[in-house]
C-alpha atoms as a PDB file:
ATOM      1  CA  MET A   1     114.280 103.882 133.593  1.00  0.00           C
ATOM      2  CA  THR A   2     111.109 101.877 134.143  1.00  0.00           C
ATOM      3  CA  ALA A   3     107.929 103.840 134.792  1.00  0.00           C
ATOM      4  CA  PRO A   4     106.846 103.385 138.425  1.00  0.00           C
ATOM      5  CA  ALA A   5     103.794 101.363 139.323  1.00  0.00           C
ATOM      6  CA  MET A   6     100.550 103.209 139.903  1.00  0.00           C
ATOM      7  CA  ALA A   7      99.918 104.450 143.425  1.00  0.00           C
ATOM      8  CA  GLY A   8      96.758 103.647 145.337  1.00  0.00           C
ATOM      9  CA  ALA A   9      93.921 106.135 144.949  1.00  0.00           C
ATOM     10  CA  ALA A  10      94.030 107.068 148.630  1.00  0.00           C
ATOM     11  CA  THR A  11      97.672 108.160 148.385  1.00  0.00           C
ATOM     12  CA  LEU A  12      97.326 110.357 145.310  1.00  0.00           C
ATOM     13  CA  ARG A  13      97.955 114.066 145.677  1.00  0.00           C
ATOM     14  CA  THR A  14      95.949 116.590 143.665  1.00  0.00           C
ATOM     15  CA  VAL A  15      97.919 118.760 141.256  1.00  0.00           C
ATOM     16  CA  ALA A  16      97.966 122.441 142.152  1.00  0.00           C
ATOM     17  CA  PRO A  17      95.380 124.669 140.444  1.00  0.00           C
ATOM     18  CA  GLY A  18      96.386 127.748 138.492  1.00  0.00           C
ATOM     19  CA  GLN A  19      99.042 126.043 136.350  1.00  0.00           C
ATOM     20  CA  ARG A  20      99.200 126.279 132.576  1.00  0.00           C
ATOM     21  CA  VAL A  21     101.360 124.202 130.215  1.00  0.00           C
ATOM     22  CA  THR A  22     101.605 124.233 126.413  1.00  0.00           C
ATOM     23  CA  VAL A  23     103.245 121.393 124.490  1.00  0.00           C
ATOM     24  CA  ARG A  24     104.013 121.333 120.780  1.00  0.00           C
ATOM     25  CA  VAL A  25     104.820 117.894 119.315  1.00  0.00           C
ATOM     26  CA  PRO A  26     106.064 117.079 115.797  1.00  0.00           C
ATOM     27  CA  ALA A  27     104.507 114.521 113.512  1.00  0.00           C
ATOM     28  CA  THR A  28     106.649 111.473 112.870  1.00  0.00           C
ATOM     29  CA  SER A  29     107.257 108.870 110.207  1.00  0.00           C
ATOM     30  CA  ALA A  30     108.247 105.418 111.438  1.00  0.00           C
ATOM     31  CA  ASN A  31     109.986 102.485 109.736  1.00  0.00           C
ATOM     32  CA  LEU A  32     111.359 104.543 106.803  1.00  0.00           C
ATOM     33  CA  GLY A  33     111.422 101.352 104.772  1.00  0.00           C
ATOM     34  CA  PRO A  34     113.610  98.709 106.438  1.00  0.00           C
ATOM     35  CA  GLY A  35     113.689 100.167 109.979  1.00  0.00           C
ATOM     36  CA  TYR A  36     110.589  98.306 111.109  1.00  0.00           C
ATOM     37  CA  ASP A  37     109.532  99.275 114.658  1.00  0.00           C
ATOM     38  CA  SER A  38     112.979 100.807 115.264  1.00  0.00           C
ATOM     39  CA  LEU A  39     113.559 103.918 113.132  1.00  0.00           C
ATOM     40  CA  GLY A  40     111.539 107.114 113.250  1.00  0.00           C
ATOM     41  CA  LEU A  41     111.910 110.605 111.822  1.00  0.00           C
ATOM     42  CA  ALA A  42     110.479 113.824 113.280  1.00  0.00           C
ATOM     43  CA  LEU A  43     108.726 116.079 110.744  1.00  0.00           C
ATOM     44  CA  SER A  44     107.866 119.786 110.746  1.00  0.00           C
ATOM     45  CA  LEU A  45     104.135 119.290 111.194  1.00  0.00           C
ATOM     46  CA  TYR A  46     102.957 120.100 114.714  1.00  0.00           C
ATOM     47  CA  ASP A  47     100.092 119.352 117.074  1.00  0.00           C
ATOM     48  CA  THR A  48      99.650 121.625 120.084  1.00  0.00           C
ATOM     49  CA  VAL A  49      98.042 120.907 123.451  1.00  0.00           C
ATOM     50  CA  ASP A  50      97.415 123.635 126.028  1.00  0.00           C
ATOM     51  CA  VAL A  51      96.284 122.669 129.539  1.00  0.00           C
ATOM     52  CA  ALA A  52      95.358 124.784 132.564  1.00  0.00           C
ATOM     53  CA  THR A  53      94.486 123.346 135.971  1.00  0.00           C
ATOM     54  CA  ALA A  54      91.570 124.383 138.169  1.00  0.00           C
ATOM     55  CA  ASP A  55      90.130 123.201 141.469  1.00  0.00           C
ATOM     56  CA  ASP A  56      86.502 122.769 140.394  1.00  0.00           C
ATOM     57  CA  GLY A  57      86.706 119.177 139.123  1.00  0.00           C
ATOM     58  CA  GLU A  58      85.342 120.189 135.719  1.00  0.00           C
ATOM     59  CA  LEU A  59      86.779 119.318 132.291  1.00  0.00           C
ATOM     60  CA  ALA A  60      86.472 121.858 129.468  1.00  0.00           C
ATOM     61  CA  PHE A  61      87.846 120.696 126.115  1.00  0.00           C
ATOM     62  CA  ALA A  62      88.277 122.794 122.968  1.00  0.00           C
ATOM     63  CA  LEU A  63      89.408 120.860 119.897  1.00  0.00           C
ATOM     64  CA  SER A  64      90.270 122.190 116.438  1.00  0.00           C
ATOM     65  CA  GLY A  65      91.835 120.886 113.249  1.00  0.00           C
ATOM     66  CA  GLU A  66      92.110 117.237 112.233  1.00  0.00           C
ATOM     67  CA  GLY A  67      89.486 115.040 113.870  1.00  0.00           C
ATOM     68  CA  ALA A  68      87.559 117.969 115.349  1.00  0.00           C
ATOM     69  CA  ASP A  69      84.301 116.611 113.922  1.00  0.00           C
ATOM     70  CA  THR A  70      84.707 113.069 115.221  1.00  0.00           C
ATOM     71  CA  LEU A  71      86.935 112.958 118.318  1.00  0.00           C
ATOM     72  CA  PRO A  72      85.389 113.080 121.816  1.00  0.00           C
ATOM     73  CA  ARG A  73      85.690 116.117 124.046  1.00  0.00           C
ATOM     74  CA  ASP A  74      85.452 114.353 127.382  1.00  0.00           C
ATOM     75  CA  GLY A  75      87.475 112.059 129.612  1.00  0.00           C
ATOM     76  CA  SER A  76      87.559 109.343 126.950  1.00  0.00           C
ATOM     77  CA  HIS A  77      89.834 111.393 124.682  1.00  0.00           C
ATOM     78  CA  LEU A  78      93.353 109.937 124.399  1.00  0.00           C
ATOM     79  CA  VAL A  79      95.009 113.091 125.743  1.00  0.00           C
ATOM     80  CA  VAL A  80      92.814 113.212 128.855  1.00  0.00           C
ATOM     81  CA  ARG A  81      93.139 109.479 129.517  1.00  0.00           C
ATOM     82  CA  THR A  82      96.910 109.674 129.154  1.00  0.00           C
ATOM     83  CA  ILE A  83      97.232 112.723 131.410  1.00  0.00           C
ATOM     84  CA  ASP A  84      95.285 110.812 134.064  1.00  0.00           C
ATOM     85  CA  LEU A  85      97.449 107.705 133.661  1.00  0.00           C
ATOM     86  CA  ALA A  86     100.726 109.636 133.768  1.00  0.00           C
ATOM     87  CA  LEU A  87      99.647 111.600 136.823  1.00  0.00           C
ATOM     88  CA  GLU A  88      98.658 108.404 138.593  1.00  0.00           C
ATOM     89  CA  ARG A  89     102.039 106.840 137.813  1.00  0.00           C
ATOM     90  CA  LEU A  90     103.623 109.905 139.420  1.00  0.00           C
ATOM     91  CA  GLY A  91     101.402 109.727 142.490  1.00  0.00           C
ATOM     92  CA  TYR A  92      98.985 112.500 141.545  1.00  0.00           C
ATOM     93  CA  ARG A  93      95.493 113.109 140.261  1.00  0.00           C
ATOM     94  CA  ARG A  94      93.827 116.090 138.656  1.00  0.00           C
ATOM     95  CA  SER A  95      90.872 118.180 139.621  1.00  0.00           C
ATOM     96  CA  GLY A  96      89.633 120.584 136.953  1.00  0.00           C
ATOM     97  CA  LEU A  97      91.233 120.916 133.517  1.00  0.00           C
ATOM     98  CA  ARG A  98      90.853 123.483 130.765  1.00  0.00           C
ATOM     99  CA  LEU A  99      92.258 121.766 127.702  1.00  0.00           C
ATOM    100  CA  SER A 100      92.723 123.074 124.168  1.00  0.00           C
ATOM    101  CA  ALA A 101      94.107 120.943 121.340  1.00  0.00           C
ATOM    102  CA  GLU A 102      94.983 121.945 117.789  1.00  0.00           C
ATOM    103  CA  ASN A 103      95.504 118.916 115.571  1.00  0.00           C
ATOM    104  CA  VAL A 104      97.489 119.423 112.376  1.00  0.00           C
ATOM    105  CA  SER A 105      98.680 115.863 111.721  1.00  0.00           C
ATOM    106  CA  PRO A 106      96.041 113.770 109.924  1.00  0.00           C
ATOM    107  CA  HIS A 107      94.700 110.745 111.782  1.00  0.00           C
ATOM    108  CA  GLY A 108      94.947 107.173 110.555  1.00  0.00           C
ATOM    109  CA  ARG A 109      97.493 108.059 107.891  1.00  0.00           C
ATOM    110  CA  GLY A 110     100.804 106.824 109.320  1.00  0.00           C
ATOM    111  CA  LEU A 111     102.174 110.128 110.611  1.00  0.00           C
ATOM    112  CA  GLY A 112     102.149 109.296 114.310  1.00  0.00           C
ATOM    113  CA  SER A 113      99.073 111.239 115.404  1.00  0.00           C
ATOM    114  CA  SER A 114      98.369 108.967 118.390  1.00  0.00           C
ATOM    115  CA  ALA A 115     102.036 109.080 119.408  1.00  0.00           C
ATOM    116  CA  SER A 116     101.965 112.885 119.262  1.00  0.00           C
ATOM    117  CA  ALA A 117      98.896 112.977 121.500  1.00  0.00           C
ATOM    118  CA  THR A 118     100.433 110.510 123.928  1.00  0.00           C
ATOM    119  CA  VAL A 119     103.730 112.408 124.144  1.00  0.00           C
ATOM    120  CA  ALA A 120     101.941 115.734 124.626  1.00  0.00           C
ATOM    121  CA  ALA A 121      99.794 114.321 127.425  1.00  0.00           C
ATOM    122  CA  VAL A 122     102.670 112.698 129.319  1.00  0.00           C
ATOM    123  CA  LEU A 123     104.788 115.853 129.067  1.00  0.00           C
ATOM    124  CA  VAL A 124     101.872 117.941 130.343  1.00  0.00           C
ATOM    125  CA  ALA A 125     101.427 115.616 133.308  1.00  0.00           C
ATOM    126  CA  ALA A 126     105.163 115.707 134.061  1.00  0.00           C
ATOM    127  CA  GLU A 127     105.024 119.490 134.363  1.00  0.00           C
ATOM    128  CA  LEU A 128     101.921 119.590 136.566  1.00  0.00           C
ATOM    129  CA  VAL A 129     103.439 117.687 139.489  1.00  0.00           C
ATOM    130  CA  ASP A 130     105.687 119.207 142.144  1.00  0.00           C
ATOM    131  CA  PRO A 131     109.232 119.966 140.901  1.00  0.00           C
ATOM    132  CA  ALA A 132     110.800 117.296 143.117  1.00  0.00           C
ATOM    133  CA  ASP A 133     108.612 114.634 141.481  1.00  0.00           C
ATOM    134  CA  ARG A 134     109.115 115.601 137.838  1.00  0.00           C
ATOM    135  CA  PRO A 135     110.531 112.749 135.744  1.00  0.00           C
ATOM    136  CA  ASP A 136     113.180 112.975 133.061  1.00  0.00           C
ATOM    137  CA  ARG A 137     112.561 112.290 129.391  1.00  0.00           C
ATOM    138  CA  ALA A 138     113.767 108.710 129.706  1.00  0.00           C
ATOM    139  CA  TRP A 139     110.728 108.126 131.927  1.00  0.00           C
ATOM    140  CA  VAL A 140     108.556 109.900 129.382  1.00  0.00           C
ATOM    141  CA  LEU A 141     109.915 107.627 126.632  1.00  0.00           C
ATOM    142  CA  GLN A 142     109.243 104.544 128.733  1.00  0.00           C
ATOM    143  CA  LEU A 143     105.654 105.364 129.563  1.00  0.00           C
ATOM    144  CA  CYS A 144     104.798 106.580 126.064  1.00  0.00           C
ATOM    145  CA  SER A 145     106.311 103.433 124.540  1.00  0.00           C
ATOM    146  CA  GLU A 146     104.331 101.244 126.941  1.00  0.00           C
ATOM    147  CA  ILE A 147     101.135 103.019 125.927  1.00  0.00           C
ATOM    148  CA  GLU A 148     101.886 102.878 122.188  1.00  0.00           C
ATOM    149  CA  GLY A 149     103.401  99.384 122.320  1.00  0.00           C
ATOM    150  CA  HIS A 150     106.666 100.404 120.629  1.00  0.00           C
ATOM    151  CA  PRO A 151     108.963 103.439 120.568  1.00  0.00           C
ATOM    152  CA  ASP A 152     109.419 104.101 116.849  1.00  0.00           C
ATOM    153  CA  ASN A 153     107.020 107.077 116.727  1.00  0.00           C
ATOM    154  CA  VAL A 154     107.197 108.365 120.287  1.00  0.00           C
ATOM    155  CA  ALA A 155     111.004 108.581 120.368  1.00  0.00           C
ATOM    156  CA  PRO A 156     111.360 111.092 117.495  1.00  0.00           C
ATOM    157  CA  ALA A 157     108.288 112.941 118.767  1.00  0.00           C
ATOM    158  CA  ILE A 158     110.065 113.432 122.108  1.00  0.00           C
ATOM    159  CA  PHE A 159     113.648 113.981 120.967  1.00  0.00           C
ATOM    160  CA  GLY A 160     113.404 115.087 117.318  1.00  0.00           C
ATOM    161  CA  SER A 161     115.621 114.178 114.345  1.00  0.00           C
ATOM    162  CA  LEU A 162     116.243 110.494 113.553  1.00  0.00           C
ATOM    163  CA  ALA A 163     115.551 108.181 116.483  1.00  0.00           C
ATOM    164  CA  LEU A 164     117.032 104.671 116.594  1.00  0.00           C
ATOM    165  CA  SER A 165     115.070 102.743 119.201  1.00  0.00           C
ATOM    166  CA  TRP A 166     115.246  99.323 120.791  1.00  0.00           C
ATOM    167  CA  GLN A 167     114.021  97.345 123.783  1.00  0.00           C
ATOM    168  CA  ASP A 168     116.056  95.744 126.593  1.00  0.00           C
ATOM    169  CA  GLY A 169     113.671  93.427 128.398  1.00  0.00           C
ATOM    170  CA  GLU A 170     110.849  95.725 129.440  1.00  0.00           C
ATOM    171  CA  THR A 171     112.906  98.890 129.048  1.00  0.00           C
ATOM    172  CA  PHE A 172     112.657 101.034 125.923  1.00  0.00           C
ATOM    173  CA  ARG A 173     115.709 102.993 124.799  1.00  0.00           C
ATOM    174  CA  THR A 174     116.608 105.319 121.965  1.00  0.00           C
ATOM    175  CA  ALA A 175     119.600 107.070 120.431  1.00  0.00           C
ATOM    176  CA  VAL A 176     119.227 110.243 118.396  1.00  0.00           C
ATOM    177  CA  ALA A 177     121.169 110.839 115.187  1.00  0.00           C
ATOM    178  CA  ARG A 178     121.344 114.161 113.388  1.00  0.00           C
ATOM    179  CA  VAL A 179     120.034 114.055 109.830  1.00  0.00           C
ATOM    180  CA  HIS A 180     122.110 115.328 106.911  1.00  0.00           C
ATOM    181  CA  PRO A 181     120.925 118.843 105.961  1.00  0.00           C
ATOM    182  CA  ASP A 182     120.327 117.813 102.329  1.00  0.00           C
ATOM    183  CA  VAL A 183     117.566 115.351 103.266  1.00  0.00           C
ATOM    184  CA  VAL A 184     114.137 116.740 102.348  1.00  0.00           C
ATOM    185  CA  PRO A 185     110.999 114.799 103.375  1.00  0.00           C
ATOM    186  CA  ILE A 186     107.946 114.970 101.104  1.00  0.00           C
ATOM    187  CA  VAL A 187     104.688 113.371 102.187  1.00  0.00           C
ATOM    188  CA  ALA A 188     101.766 112.426  99.955  1.00  0.00           C
ATOM    189  CA  ILE A 189      98.722 111.932 102.182  1.00  0.00           C
ATOM    190  CA  PRO A 190      95.800 110.058 100.582  1.00  0.00           C
ATOM    191  CA  ASP A 191      92.115 110.584 101.279  1.00  0.00           C
ATOM    192  CA  TYR A 192      91.664 107.164 102.878  1.00  0.00           C
ATOM    193  CA  GLU A 193      92.680 105.851 106.295  1.00  0.00           C
ATOM    194  CA  LEU A 194      94.314 102.615 107.378  1.00  0.00           C
ATOM    195  CA  SER A 195      94.311 101.406 110.956  1.00  0.00           C
ATOM    196  CA  THR A 196      97.589 100.258 112.458  1.00  0.00           C
ATOM    197  CA  GLU A 197      95.817  97.133 113.718  1.00  0.00           C
ATOM    198  CA  LEU A 198      94.774  96.123 110.205  1.00  0.00           C
ATOM    199  CA  ALA A 199      98.229  96.873 108.807  1.00  0.00           C
ATOM    200  CA  ARG A 200      99.891  94.726 111.459  1.00  0.00           C
ATOM    201  CA  SER A 201      97.414  91.891 110.975  1.00  0.00           C
ATOM    202  CA  LEU A 202      98.641  91.456 107.402  1.00  0.00           C
ATOM    203  CA  LEU A 203     102.206  90.645 108.431  1.00  0.00           C
ATOM    204  CA  PRO A 204     103.395  87.023 108.535  1.00  0.00           C
ATOM    205  CA  SER A 205     104.486  85.479 111.826  1.00  0.00           C
ATOM    206  CA  SER A 206     107.951  84.801 110.384  1.00  0.00           C
ATOM    207  CA  VAL A 207     110.084  85.718 107.382  1.00  0.00           C
ATOM    208  CA  PRO A 208     112.862  83.789 105.625  1.00  0.00           C
ATOM    209  CA  HIS A 209     116.373  84.206 107.030  1.00  0.00           C
ATOM    210  CA  HIS A 210     117.651  85.672 103.757  1.00  0.00           C
ATOM    211  CA  ALA A 211     114.984  88.392 103.895  1.00  0.00           C
ATOM    212  CA  ALA A 212     115.896  89.273 107.493  1.00  0.00           C
ATOM    213  CA  ALA A 213     119.582  89.409 106.590  1.00  0.00           C
ATOM    214  CA  ALA A 214     118.926  91.588 103.560  1.00  0.00           C
ATOM    215  CA  ASN A 215     116.748  93.906 105.621  1.00  0.00           C
ATOM    216  CA  SER A 216     119.432  94.282 108.297  1.00  0.00           C
ATOM    217  CA  GLY A 217     121.903  95.434 105.680  1.00  0.00           C
ATOM    218  CA  ARG A 218     119.486  97.976 104.213  1.00  0.00           C
ATOM    219  CA  ALA A 219     118.553  99.357 107.642  1.00  0.00           C
ATOM    220  CA  ALA A 220     122.225  99.907 108.459  1.00  0.00           C
ATOM    221  CA  LEU A 221     122.758 101.546 105.083  1.00  0.00           C
ATOM    222  CA  LEU A 222     119.725 103.783 105.623  1.00  0.00           C
ATOM    223  CA  VAL A 223     121.144 105.218 108.851  1.00  0.00           C
ATOM    224  CA  HIS A 224     124.373 106.037 106.990  1.00  0.00           C
ATOM    225  CA  ALA A 225     122.434 107.555 104.086  1.00  0.00           C
ATOM    226  CA  LEU A 226     120.274 109.737 106.342  1.00  0.00           C
ATOM    227  CA  THR A 227     123.174 111.003 108.421  1.00  0.00           C
ATOM    228  CA  ASN A 228     126.153 111.068 106.042  1.00  0.00           C
ATOM    229  CA  ASP A 229     125.417 110.290 102.389  1.00  0.00           C
ATOM    230  CA  PRO A 230     121.918 111.031 101.040  1.00  0.00           C
ATOM    231  CA  SER A 231     122.942 109.720  97.603  1.00  0.00           C
ATOM    232  CA  LEU A 232     122.384 106.233  99.085  1.00  0.00           C
ATOM    233  CA  LEU A 233     118.795 106.832 100.166  1.00  0.00           C
ATOM    234  CA  VAL A 234     117.235 104.744  97.392  1.00  0.00           C
ATOM    235  CA  PRO A 235     119.062 101.475  98.187  1.00  0.00           C
ATOM    236  CA  GLY A 236     118.928 102.324 101.896  1.00  0.00           C
ATOM    237  CA  THR A 237     115.115 102.446 101.900  1.00  0.00           C
ATOM    238  CA  GLU A 238     114.622  99.013 100.307  1.00  0.00           C
ATOM    239  CA  ASP A 239     112.432  96.953 102.632  1.00  0.00           C
ATOM    240  CA  TYR A 240     112.064  93.161 102.926  1.00  0.00           C
ATOM    241  CA  LEU A 241     109.925  92.855 106.064  1.00  0.00           C
ATOM    242  CA  HIS A 242     106.576  94.585 105.865  1.00  0.00           C
ATOM    243  CA  GLN A 243     105.643  96.781 102.910  1.00  0.00           C
ATOM    244  CA  SER A 244     104.913  94.063 100.355  1.00  0.00           C
ATOM    245  CA  TYR A 245     102.611  92.242 102.799  1.00  0.00           C
ATOM    246  CA  ARG A 246     100.543  95.385 103.345  1.00  0.00           C
ATOM    247  CA  GLU A 247     100.052  96.344  99.700  1.00  0.00           C
ATOM    248  CA  SER A 248      96.584  94.808  99.472  1.00  0.00           C
ATOM    249  CA  ALA A 249      95.298  97.273 102.085  1.00  0.00           C
ATOM    250  CA  MET A 250      96.774 100.347 100.382  1.00  0.00           C
ATOM    251  CA  ARG A 251      97.003  99.726  96.649  1.00  0.00           C
ATOM    252  CA  PRO A 252      97.059 103.408  95.617  1.00  0.00           C
ATOM    253  CA  SER A 253      99.945 104.071  98.003  1.00  0.00           C
ATOM    254  CA  ALA A 254     101.844 100.971  96.879  1.00  0.00           C
ATOM    255  CA  ASP A 255     101.411 101.994  93.231  1.00  0.00           C
ATOM    256  CA  LEU A 256     102.655 105.500  93.932  1.00  0.00           C
ATOM    257  CA  ILE A 257     105.702 104.143  95.774  1.00  0.00           C
ATOM    258  CA  ARG A 258     106.527 101.823  92.860  1.00  0.00           C
ATOM    259  CA  ARG A 259     106.300 104.644  90.359  1.00  0.00           C
ATOM    260  CA  LEU A 260     108.446 107.015  92.417  1.00  0.00           C
ATOM    261  CA  ARG A 261     111.104 104.374  93.025  1.00  0.00           C
ATOM    262  CA  ALA A 262     111.132 103.514  89.331  1.00  0.00           C
ATOM    263  CA  GLU A 263     112.142 107.130  88.713  1.00  0.00           C
ATOM    264  CA  GLY A 264     114.954 106.850  91.250  1.00  0.00           C
ATOM    265  CA  HIS A 265     113.327 108.382  94.327  1.00  0.00           C
ATOM    266  CA  ALA A 266     113.488 106.961  97.856  1.00  0.00           C
ATOM    267  CA  ALA A 267     109.765 106.431  98.475  1.00  0.00           C
ATOM    268  CA  VAL A 268     108.367 104.298 101.304  1.00  0.00           C
ATOM    269  CA  VAL A 269     105.234 103.751 103.337  1.00  0.00           C
ATOM    270  CA  SER A 270     105.113 106.172 106.260  1.00  0.00           C
ATOM    271  CA  GLY A 271     104.606 104.098 109.393  1.00  0.00           C
ATOM    272  CA  ALA A 272     101.720 101.689 108.902  1.00  0.00           C
ATOM    273  CA  GLY A 273     100.484 103.808 105.983  1.00  0.00           C
ATOM    274  CA  PRO A 274      98.809 104.805 103.846  1.00  0.00           C
ATOM    275  CA  THR A 275     100.815 108.062 103.557  1.00  0.00           C
ATOM    276  CA  VAL A 276     103.746 107.882 101.159  1.00  0.00           C
ATOM    277  CA  LEU A 277     107.033 109.371 102.362  1.00  0.00           C
ATOM    278  CA  ALA A 278     109.747 110.321  99.896  1.00  0.00           C
ATOM    279  CA  LEU A 279     113.208 111.255 101.149  1.00  0.00           C
ATOM    280  CA  ALA A 280     114.851 113.539  98.604  1.00  0.00           C
ATOM    281  CA  ALA A 281     118.580 114.194  98.448  1.00  0.00           C
ATOM    282  CA  GLY A 282     118.488 117.963  98.122  1.00  0.00           C
ATOM    283  CA  ALA A 283     116.123 120.666  96.920  1.00  0.00           C
ATOM    284  CA  GLU A 284     116.439 119.777  93.237  1.00  0.00           C
ATOM    285  CA  GLU A 285     115.310 116.201  93.783  1.00  0.00           C
ATOM    286  CA  ALA A 286     112.563 117.425  96.104  1.00  0.00           C
ATOM    287  CA  ASP A 287     111.198 119.463  93.179  1.00  0.00           C
ATOM    288  CA  GLU A 288     111.365 116.351  90.996  1.00  0.00           C
ATOM    289  CA  VAL A 289     109.498 114.273  93.581  1.00  0.00           C
ATOM    290  CA  GLN A 290     106.717 116.824  93.873  1.00  0.00           C
ATOM    291  CA  ALA A 291     106.389 117.001  90.106  1.00  0.00           C
ATOM    292  CA  ALA A 292     106.309 113.212  89.877  1.00  0.00           C
ATOM    293  CA  VAL A 293     103.593 112.951  92.522  1.00  0.00           C
ATOM    294  CA  GLU A 294     101.533 115.468  90.590  1.00  0.00           C
ATOM    295  CA  ARG A 295     101.921 113.411  87.416  1.00  0.00           C
ATOM    296  CA  PHE A 296     101.315 110.016  88.975  1.00  0.00           C
ATOM    297  CA  ALA A 297      98.864 110.712  91.782  1.00  0.00           C
ATOM    298  CA  LEU A 298      97.078 113.850  90.715  1.00  0.00           C
ATOM    299  CA  GLY A 299      96.124 112.583  87.281  1.00  0.00           C
ATOM    300  CA  GLY A 300      98.642 114.403  85.097  1.00  0.00           C
ATOM    301  CA  ASP A 301      99.843 111.637  82.789  1.00  0.00           C
ATOM    302  CA  VAL A 302      98.320 108.350  83.931  1.00  0.00           C
ATOM    303  CA  HIS A 303      97.190 106.613  80.759  1.00  0.00           C
ATOM    304  CA  ALA A 304      97.273 102.953  81.762  1.00  0.00           C
ATOM    305  CA  VAL A 305      94.031 100.998  81.800  1.00  0.00           C
ATOM    306  CA  ASP A 306      95.125  98.671  84.602  1.00  0.00           C
ATOM    307  CA  THR A 307      92.548  98.704  87.387  1.00  0.00           C
ATOM    308  CA  GLU A 308      95.104  99.362  90.119  1.00  0.00           C
ATOM    309  CA  LEU A 309      96.595 102.293  88.207  1.00  0.00           C
ATOM    310  CA  ASP A 310      93.139 103.754  87.709  1.00  0.00           C
ATOM    311  CA  ARG A 311      92.728 103.714  91.485  1.00  0.00           C
ATOM    312  CA  VAL A 312      95.779 105.973  91.773  1.00  0.00           C
ATOM    313  CA  GLU A 313      94.003 108.554  89.636  1.00  0.00           C
ATOM    314  CA  ARG A 314      90.840 108.398  91.715  1.00  0.00           C
ATOM    315  CA  THR A 315      92.620 108.885  95.041  1.00  0.00           C
ATOM    316  CA  THR A 316      92.884 112.454  96.284  1.00  0.00           C
ATOM    317  CA  TRP A 317      96.272 113.359  97.740  1.00  0.00           C
ATOM    318  CA  ARG A 318      97.679 116.185  99.836  1.00  0.00           C
ATOM    319  CA  VAL A 319     101.340 116.742  99.067  1.00  0.00           C
ATOM    320  CA  MET A 320     103.559 118.558 101.553  1.00  0.00           C
ATOM    321  CA  ARG A 321     107.249 119.361 101.468  1.00  0.00           C
ATOM    322  CA  LEU A 322     108.482 119.340 105.058  1.00  0.00           C
ATOM    323  CA  ASP A 323     111.659 119.694 107.078  1.00  0.00           C
ATOM    324  CA  VAL A 324     113.205 117.305 109.551  1.00  0.00           C
ATOM    325  CA  ASP A 325     112.374 118.588 113.032  1.00  0.00           C
ATOM    326  CA  SER A 326     115.559 118.600 115.106  1.00  0.00           C
ATOM    327  CA  GLU A 327     114.135 119.671 118.487  1.00  0.00           C
ATOM    328  CA  GLY A 328     111.324 117.271 119.276  1.00  0.00           C
ATOM    329  CA  ALA A 329     108.549 118.135 121.691  1.00  0.00           C
ATOM    330  CA  LYS A 330     108.716 121.642 123.128  1.00  0.00           C
ATOM    331  CA  VAL A 331     107.200 122.482 126.505  1.00  0.00           C
ATOM    332  CA  GLU A 332     106.244 125.972 127.612  1.00  0.00           C
ATOM    333  CA  VAL A 333     105.279 126.545 131.238  1.00  0.00           C
ATOM    334  CA  HIS A 334     103.303 129.737 131.734  1.00  0.00           C
ATOM    335  CA  SER A 335     103.735 131.714 134.910  1.00  0.00           C
ATOM    336  CA  ARG A 336     100.696 131.989 137.188  1.00  0.00           C
END
């Protein structure tokens, strides 16, 4: 379903005051190695947005957690801008808003923070309009993908689990696959950021046919590994399209990935990076991955004098063992 064109300002209806909606959206990891711009996984790390409507035309914005010291608290914030856009697409406008946001997902680290904000805002807007005008989640996927430019993060944020997304003309689509219960995601989040724009600018305009063919095979294998046979996660996460081109912008992350893969763990760049995602096949391997990250990234047994390896020691990492979120965004509508 294609999102409708924006209505003229004179025809917009104002959303009713006295409504309150809370949306909780999971963090996501896109690409997962070879699934460039097409695969995304929902993770058990959640941002929450709570919105109440008023008729006074005022915006009150409370913001806590990640980005609270730097993000705006006015109409320029991504959530507010996206609520306004979604409402306009639906033929509405807002008056007053009381908005509270709790950010848990780190920004600029490749865990889909902007996608989470976009999904939360569009879902809020969808609930604020009259029941007869409320869109389905296919519409939500379409608009969120248009805003983000691709569906790989927004699809798992909306639907949960493993999302396999593609584009037919101007229409974005996704299919959801259930992840094998033995798959355990571990994220190592470094203390430096990397913009998606910079990461994309490092990619070549074309790749050799043999690399594209090899990547297609690994992406297909990865879907099988994630859903049916986690023992194949290491070969399934081998990438030929993007990670090697981006190494120069995230050397500590690239070094950590190399070290983890050398020990037999399925480690990849999460989204555009620089967070490292490891997909363990069971709790025992998850313990091994965490121990390896502590050795390699937290300075336990790094003895090499190579400059790049020294940078791994100097980088500060947050390591989290997560679950795959199977529900996606959850919306709670509070009674008046």
